[in-house]
C-alpha atoms as a PDB file:
ATOM      1  CA  UNK A   1     -28.015 -10.021   6.468  1.00  0.00           C
ATOM      2  CA  UNK A   2     -29.686  -6.650   6.046  1.00  0.00           C
ATOM      3  CA  UNK A   3     -29.918  -4.935   2.696  1.00  0.00           C
ATOM      4  CA  UNK A   4     -27.367  -2.313   3.796  1.00  0.00           C
ATOM      5  CA  UNK A   5     -24.896  -5.001   4.813  1.00  0.00           C
ATOM      6  CA  UNK A   6     -25.467  -6.943   1.616  1.00  0.00           C
ATOM      7  CA  UNK A   7     -24.767  -3.814  -0.362  1.00  0.00           C
ATOM      8  CA  UNK A   8     -21.601  -3.088   1.650  1.00  0.00           C
ATOM      9  CA  UNK A   9     -20.190  -6.505   0.850  1.00  0.00           C
ATOM     10  CA  UNK A  10     -21.394  -6.737  -2.731  1.00  0.00           C
ATOM     11  CA  UNK A  11     -18.900  -7.029  -5.584  1.00  0.00           C
ATOM     12  CA  UNK A  12     -19.891  -3.541  -6.746  1.00  0.00           C
ATOM     13  CA  UNK A  13     -19.021  -2.062  -3.358  1.00  0.00           C
ATOM     14  CA  UNK A  14     -15.539  -3.556  -3.608  1.00  0.00           C
ATOM     15  CA  UNK A  15     -14.991  -2.607  -7.253  1.00  0.00           C
ATOM     16  CA  UNK A  16     -11.446  -1.331  -7.918  1.00  0.00           C
ATOM     17  CA  UNK A  17     -12.670   2.154  -8.778  1.00  0.00           C
ATOM     18  CA  UNK A  18     -14.139   2.435  -5.268  1.00  0.00           C
ATOM     19  CA  UNK A  19     -10.656   2.950  -3.910  1.00  0.00           C
ATOM     20  CA  UNK A  20      -8.917   6.263  -4.699  1.00  0.00           C
ATOM     21  CA  UNK A  21      -5.721   6.264  -6.745  1.00  0.00           C
ATOM     22  CA  UNK A  22      -3.744   6.897  -3.548  1.00  0.00           C
ATOM     23  CA  UNK A  23      -5.042   3.710  -1.942  1.00  0.00           C
ATOM     24  CA  UNK A  24      -2.955   0.541  -1.904  1.00  0.00           C
ATOM     25  CA  UNK A  25      -6.168  -1.227  -2.935  1.00  0.00           C
ATOM     26  CA  UNK A  26      -6.724   0.882  -6.063  1.00  0.00           C
ATOM     27  CA  UNK A  27      -7.073  -1.388  -9.072  1.00  0.00           C
ATOM     28  CA  UNK A  28      -7.371  -4.588  -7.041  1.00  0.00           C
ATOM     29  CA  UNK A  29     -10.281  -6.689  -8.241  1.00  0.00           C
ATOM     30  CA  UNK A  30     -12.984  -8.125  -6.021  1.00  0.00           C
ATOM     31  CA  UNK A  31     -13.878 -11.784  -6.185  1.00  0.00           C
ATOM     32  CA  UNK A  32     -16.610 -13.945  -4.696  1.00  0.00           C
ATOM     33  CA  UNK A  33     -16.327 -17.362  -3.124  1.00  0.00           C
ATOM     34  CA  UNK A  34     -19.307 -19.560  -2.373  1.00  0.00           C
ATOM     35  CA  UNK A  35     -19.291 -22.191   0.356  1.00  0.00           C
ATOM     36  CA  UNK A  36     -21.101 -25.535   0.317  1.00  0.00           C
ATOM     37  CA  UNK A  37     -24.226 -23.949   1.825  1.00  0.00           C
ATOM     38  CA  UNK A  38     -24.412 -21.366  -0.936  1.00  0.00           C
ATOM     39  CA  UNK A  39     -23.230 -18.475   1.229  1.00  0.00           C
ATOM     40  CA  UNK A  40     -21.215 -16.018  -0.783  1.00  0.00           C
ATOM     41  CA  UNK A  41     -18.283 -14.039   0.537  1.00  0.00           C
ATOM     42  CA  UNK A  42     -16.875 -11.104  -1.395  1.00  0.00           C
ATOM     43  CA  UNK A  43     -13.203 -10.302  -0.944  1.00  0.00           C
ATOM     44  CA  UNK A  44     -10.421  -8.354  -2.571  1.00  0.00           C
ATOM     45  CA  UNK A  45      -7.884 -10.381  -4.476  1.00  0.00           C
ATOM     46  CA  UNK A  46      -4.349 -10.438  -3.143  1.00  0.00           C
ATOM     47  CA  UNK A  47      -2.191  -7.403  -3.748  1.00  0.00           C
ATOM     48  CA  UNK A  48       1.324  -8.284  -4.806  1.00  0.00           C
ATOM     49  CA  UNK A  49       4.008  -5.854  -3.701  1.00  0.00           C
ATOM     50  CA  UNK A  50       6.002  -4.719  -6.710  1.00  0.00           C
ATOM     51  CA  UNK A  51       9.757  -5.344  -6.735  1.00  0.00           C
ATOM     52  CA  UNK A  52      11.886  -2.523  -5.329  1.00  0.00           C
ATOM     53  CA  UNK A  53      13.602  -1.870  -8.679  1.00  0.00           C
ATOM     54  CA  UNK A  54      10.297  -0.537 -10.036  1.00  0.00           C
ATOM     55  CA  UNK A  55      10.592   2.491  -7.738  1.00  0.00           C
ATOM     56  CA  UNK A  56      12.850   5.401  -8.730  1.00  0.00           C
ATOM     57  CA  UNK A  57      14.998   6.503  -5.788  1.00  0.00           C
ATOM     58  CA  UNK A  58      14.663  10.120  -4.713  1.00  0.00           C
ATOM     59  CA  UNK A  59      16.755  10.037  -1.561  1.00  0.00           C
ATOM     60  CA  UNK A  60      17.680   7.996   1.486  1.00  0.00           C
ATOM     61  CA  UNK A  61      16.517   8.593   5.050  1.00  0.00           C
ATOM     62  CA  UNK A  62      18.534   7.409   8.061  1.00  0.00           C
ATOM     63  CA  UNK A  63      16.218   6.230  10.822  1.00  0.00           C
ATOM     64  CA  UNK A  64      16.525   8.099  14.121  1.00  0.00           C
ATOM     65  CA  UNK A  65      14.871   7.425  17.472  1.00  0.00           C
ATOM     66  CA  UNK A  66      11.199   8.361  17.457  1.00  0.00           C
ATOM     67  CA  UNK A  67      10.730   7.996  13.702  1.00  0.00           C
ATOM     68  CA  UNK A  68       7.280   6.805  12.694  1.00  0.00           C
ATOM     69  CA  UNK A  69       6.281   5.700   9.220  1.00  0.00           C
ATOM     70  CA  UNK A  70       3.249   7.969   9.120  1.00  0.00           C
ATOM     71  CA  UNK A  71       5.387  10.981  10.033  1.00  0.00           C
ATOM     72  CA  UNK A  72       8.002  10.044   7.429  1.00  0.00           C
ATOM     73  CA  UNK A  73       5.272   9.629   4.807  1.00  0.00           C
ATOM     74  CA  UNK A  74       3.930  13.069   5.700  1.00  0.00           C
ATOM     75  CA  UNK A  75       7.423  14.580   5.506  1.00  0.00           C
ATOM     76  CA  UNK A  76       8.524  13.031   2.220  1.00  0.00           C
ATOM     77  CA  UNK A  77       5.262  12.181   0.449  1.00  0.00           C
ATOM     78  CA  UNK A  78       2.947  14.849   1.856  1.00  0.00           C
ATOM     79  CA  UNK A  79       0.404  12.361   3.200  1.00  0.00           C
ATOM     80  CA  UNK A  80       0.761  10.220   6.343  1.00  0.00           C
ATOM     81  CA  UNK A  81      -1.653   7.653   4.918  1.00  0.00           C
ATOM     82  CA  UNK A  82       0.876   6.864   2.207  1.00  0.00           C
ATOM     83  CA  UNK A  83       3.164   5.030   4.666  1.00  0.00           C
ATOM     84  CA  UNK A  84       2.490   1.878   2.677  1.00  0.00           C
ATOM     85  CA  UNK A  85       4.476   3.358  -0.211  1.00  0.00           C
ATOM     86  CA  UNK A  86       7.525   3.465   2.061  1.00  0.00           C
ATOM     87  CA  UNK A  87       6.867  -0.185   2.881  1.00  0.00           C
ATOM     88  CA  UNK A  88       6.624  -1.107  -0.795  1.00  0.00           C
ATOM     89  CA  UNK A  89       9.757   0.813  -1.731  1.00  0.00           C
ATOM     90  CA  UNK A  90      11.718  -0.920   1.020  1.00  0.00           C
ATOM     91  CA  UNK A  91      10.279  -4.420   0.645  1.00  0.00           C
ATOM     92  CA  UNK A  92       8.858  -4.475   4.164  1.00  0.00           C
ATOM     93  CA  UNK A  93       6.637  -7.350   5.192  1.00  0.00           C
ATOM     94  CA  UNK A  94       6.141  -5.872   8.671  1.00  0.00           C
ATOM     95  CA  UNK A  95       5.960  -2.049   8.452  1.00  0.00           C
ATOM     96  CA  UNK A  96       7.505  -1.414  11.854  1.00  0.00           C
ATOM     97  CA  UNK A  97      10.635  -3.376  10.923  1.00  0.00           C
ATOM     98  CA  UNK A  98      11.627  -0.365   8.842  1.00  0.00           C
ATOM     99  CA  UNK A  99      12.069   1.870  11.894  1.00  0.00           C
ATOM    100  CA  UNK A 100      13.246  -0.635  14.498  1.00  0.00           C
ATOM    101  CA  UNK A 101      16.963  -0.223  13.805  1.00  0.00           C
ATOM    102  CA  UNK A 102      18.415   3.238  14.366  1.00  0.00           C
ATOM    103  CA  UNK A 103      20.544   4.203  11.401  1.00  0.00           C
ATOM    104  CA  UNK A 104      18.744   1.985   8.911  1.00  0.00           C
ATOM    105  CA  UNK A 105      18.570   3.702   5.564  1.00  0.00           C
ATOM    106  CA  UNK A 106      15.115   3.884   4.031  1.00  0.00           C
ATOM    107  CA  UNK A 107      14.567   4.380   0.341  1.00  0.00           C
ATOM    108  CA  UNK A 108      12.337   7.372  -0.396  1.00  0.00           C
ATOM    109  CA  UNK A 109      11.054   6.820  -3.904  1.00  0.00           C
ATOM    110  CA  UNK A 110       8.617   7.964  -6.515  1.00  0.00           C
ATOM    111  CA  UNK A 111       5.444   5.889  -6.800  1.00  0.00           C
ATOM    112  CA  UNK A 112       5.685   2.661  -8.766  1.00  0.00           C
ATOM    113  CA  UNK A 113       6.041   3.136 -12.488  1.00  0.00           C
ATOM    114  CA  UNK A 114       7.018   6.815 -12.417  1.00  0.00           C
ATOM    115  CA  UNK A 115      10.515   7.130 -13.832  1.00  0.00           C
ATOM    116  CA  UNK A 116      13.104   9.213 -12.056  1.00  0.00           C
ATOM    117  CA  UNK A 117      15.580  11.616 -13.606  1.00  0.00           C
ATOM    118  CA  UNK A 118      17.944   9.905 -16.037  1.00  0.00           C
ATOM    119  CA  UNK A 119      21.465   9.236 -14.739  1.00  0.00           C
ATOM    120  CA  UNK A 120      24.084  11.623 -16.013  1.00  0.00           C
END
């Protein structure tokens, strides 16, 4: 492996602060595993999707034909790369399952841990 490649896959390169706060990988730790031959592989630890009740509901969206998660993320969250937040808020294992059924209601929420307005 070249020095550049070694650096790319080093634990420091995968440090949690390397991912911006808007990334689904922000705060996920890197780990290293070593095989029997002494080869080391650096990887990110598993990211657990938070339970839906940890997201404050802002509104619901009814899926229509032609909806795409990136377009919905751009519309409601201001960033198409945040489509994963829609997946988290709706407990999706497969992202496209959220838009397969016309009329399905998607939860549009605040990011995890940000409380919504108190109920009146």
